[in-house]
Amino acid sequence: MARKKKFTDPTDIEIIEIHVRFVEAMENVRLETISPEMKQRYLAVMKALTDKLATPSKPLHEILGEMMAEVGPLIFQAMQR
């Protein structure tokens, strides 16, 4: 996938690199080990986060607060297993 922007800020570049590593880890290591039920939960979380991040007018701190409220119960439930 080609990037639309060329970033020069070292922190921006590091963020992009960690995103690439995340995708590689999910595709090459983790995805096959996740149960179908957990995949559905993960997918719901990632969809919600991506939708929120795609709204440029929404501040990041607001997104984080909303995600904590939505995902917190799922995290605690997963920890109980």
C-alpha atoms as a PDB file:
ATOM      1  CA  MET A   1       0.000   0.000   0.000  1.00  0.00           C
ATOM      2  CA  ALA A   2       1.540   3.289  -1.093  1.00  0.00           C
ATOM      3  CA  ARG A   3       1.606   6.176   1.331  1.00  0.00           C
ATOM      4  CA  LYS A   4       0.001   9.426   0.250  1.00  0.00           C
ATOM      5  CA  LYS A   5       2.314  11.592   2.338  1.00  0.00           C
ATOM      6  CA  LYS A   6       6.034  11.631   2.895  1.00  0.00           C
ATOM      7  CA  PHE A   7       6.733  12.364   6.529  1.00  0.00           C
ATOM      8  CA  THR A   8       9.935  13.992   7.732  1.00  0.00           C
ATOM      9  CA  ASP A   9       9.286  14.302  11.463  1.00  0.00           C
ATOM     10  CA  PRO A  10      11.126  11.459  13.235  1.00  0.00           C
ATOM     11  CA  THR A  11       8.191  10.776  15.557  1.00  0.00           C
ATOM     12  CA  ASP A  12       5.778  10.563  12.616  1.00  0.00           C
ATOM     13  CA  ILE A  13       8.126   8.137  10.886  1.00  0.00           C
ATOM     14  CA  GLU A  14       8.389   6.027  14.038  1.00  0.00           C
ATOM     15  CA  ILE A  15       4.588   5.910  14.340  1.00  0.00           C
ATOM     16  CA  ILE A  16       4.289   4.715  10.743  1.00  0.00           C
ATOM     17  CA  GLU A  17       6.972   2.083  11.316  1.00  0.00           C
ATOM     18  CA  ILE A  18       5.241   0.737  14.437  1.00  0.00           C
ATOM     19  CA  HIS A  19       1.940   0.577  12.523  1.00  0.00           C
ATOM     20  CA  VAL A  20       3.649  -1.528   9.863  1.00  0.00           C
ATOM     21  CA  ARG A  21       5.131  -3.814  12.545  1.00  0.00           C
ATOM     22  CA  PHE A  22       1.700  -4.138  14.157  1.00  0.00           C
ATOM     23  CA  VAL A  23       0.084  -5.237  10.889  1.00  0.00           C
ATOM     24  CA  GLU A  24       2.917  -7.682  10.211  1.00  0.00           C
ATOM     25  CA  ALA A  25       2.605  -9.178  13.698  1.00  0.00           C
ATOM     26  CA  MET A  26      -1.150  -9.582  13.353  1.00  0.00           C
ATOM     27  CA  GLU A  27      -0.939 -11.089   9.867  1.00  0.00           C
ATOM     28  CA  ASN A  28       2.081 -13.338  10.403  1.00  0.00           C
ATOM     29  CA  VAL A  29       1.849 -14.386  14.047  1.00  0.00           C
ATOM     30  CA  ARG A  30      -1.237 -13.514  16.004  1.00  0.00           C
ATOM     31  CA  LEU A  31      -4.300 -13.753  13.777  1.00  0.00           C
ATOM     32  CA  GLU A  32      -4.191 -17.525  13.397  1.00  0.00           C
ATOM     33  CA  THR A  33      -4.051 -17.961  17.182  1.00  0.00           C
ATOM     34  CA  ILE A  34      -7.130 -15.901  18.030  1.00  0.00           C
ATOM     35  CA  SER A  35     -10.478 -17.594  18.614  1.00  0.00           C
ATOM     36  CA  PRO A  36     -13.391 -16.659  16.334  1.00  0.00           C
ATOM     37  CA  GLU A  37     -15.180 -15.019  19.284  1.00  0.00           C
ATOM     38  CA  MET A  38     -12.153 -12.890  20.137  1.00  0.00           C
ATOM     39  CA  LYS A  39     -11.702 -11.973  16.472  1.00  0.00           C
ATOM     40  CA  GLN A  40     -15.228 -10.554  16.424  1.00  0.00           C
ATOM     41  CA  ARG A  41     -14.524  -8.465  19.526  1.00  0.00           C
ATOM     42  CA  TYR A  42     -11.219  -7.295  18.137  1.00  0.00           C
ATOM     43  CA  LEU A  43     -12.853  -6.372  14.843  1.00  0.00           C
ATOM     44  CA  ALA A  44     -15.542  -4.348  16.615  1.00  0.00           C
ATOM     45  CA  VAL A  45     -12.912  -2.443  18.600  1.00  0.00           C
ATOM     46  CA  MET A  46     -10.754  -1.739  15.541  1.00  0.00           C
ATOM     47  CA  LYS A  47     -13.750  -0.593  13.483  1.00  0.00           C
ATOM     48  CA  ALA A  48     -14.861   1.791  16.231  1.00  0.00           C
ATOM     49  CA  LEU A  49     -11.355   3.175  16.700  1.00  0.00           C
ATOM     50  CA  THR A  50     -10.790   3.616  12.971  1.00  0.00           C
ATOM     51  CA  ASP A  51     -14.133   5.369  12.510  1.00  0.00           C
ATOM     52  CA  LYS A  52     -13.334   7.754  15.356  1.00  0.00           C
ATOM     53  CA  LEU A  53      -9.809   8.452  14.102  1.00  0.00           C
ATOM     54  CA  ALA A  54     -11.203   9.237  10.636  1.00  0.00           C
ATOM     55  CA  THR A  55     -13.140  12.195  12.081  1.00  0.00           C
ATOM     56  CA  PRO A  56     -10.598  15.039  11.882  1.00  0.00           C
ATOM     57  CA  SER A  57     -12.620  17.393  14.076  1.00  0.00           C
ATOM     58  CA  LYS A  58     -12.651  14.981  17.025  1.00  0.00           C
ATOM     59  CA  PRO A  59      -9.748  15.574  19.458  1.00  0.00           C
ATOM     60  CA  LEU A  60      -7.581  12.569  20.247  1.00  0.00           C
ATOM     61  CA  HIS A  61      -8.255  12.862  23.995  1.00  0.00           C
ATOM     62  CA  GLU A  62     -11.990  12.607  23.295  1.00  0.00           C
ATOM     63  CA  ILE A  63     -11.445   9.525  21.124  1.00  0.00           C
ATOM     64  CA  LEU A  64      -9.361   7.909  23.855  1.00  0.00           C
ATOM     65  CA  GLY A  65     -12.026   8.617  26.474  1.00  0.00           C
ATOM     66  CA  GLU A  66     -14.754   7.119  24.294  1.00  0.00           C
ATOM     67  CA  MET A  67     -12.651   4.075  23.489  1.00  0.00           C
ATOM     68  CA  MET A  68     -11.837   3.450  27.151  1.00  0.00           C
ATOM     69  CA  ALA A  69     -15.538   3.502  27.970  1.00  0.00           C
ATOM     70  CA  GLU A  70     -16.412   1.188  25.086  1.00  0.00           C
ATOM     71  CA  VAL A  71     -13.465  -1.205  25.319  1.00  0.00           C
ATOM     72  CA  GLY A  72     -12.889  -1.308  29.068  1.00  0.00           C
ATOM     73  CA  PRO A  73     -15.557  -3.953  29.704  1.00  0.00           C
ATOM     74  CA  LEU A  74     -14.206  -6.109  26.849  1.00  0.00           C
ATOM     75  CA  ILE A  75     -10.684  -5.931  28.276  1.00  0.00           C
ATOM     76  CA  PHE A  76     -11.844  -6.935  31.740  1.00  0.00           C
ATOM     77  CA  GLN A  77     -13.905  -9.770  30.282  1.00  0.00           C
ATOM     78  CA  ALA A  78     -10.916 -11.061  28.307  1.00  0.00           C
ATOM     79  CA  MET A  79      -8.723 -10.912  31.433  1.00  0.00           C
ATOM     80  CA  GLN A  80     -11.163 -13.171  33.303  1.00  0.00           C
ATOM     81  CA  ARG A  81     -10.377 -16.078  30.957  1.00  0.00           C
END
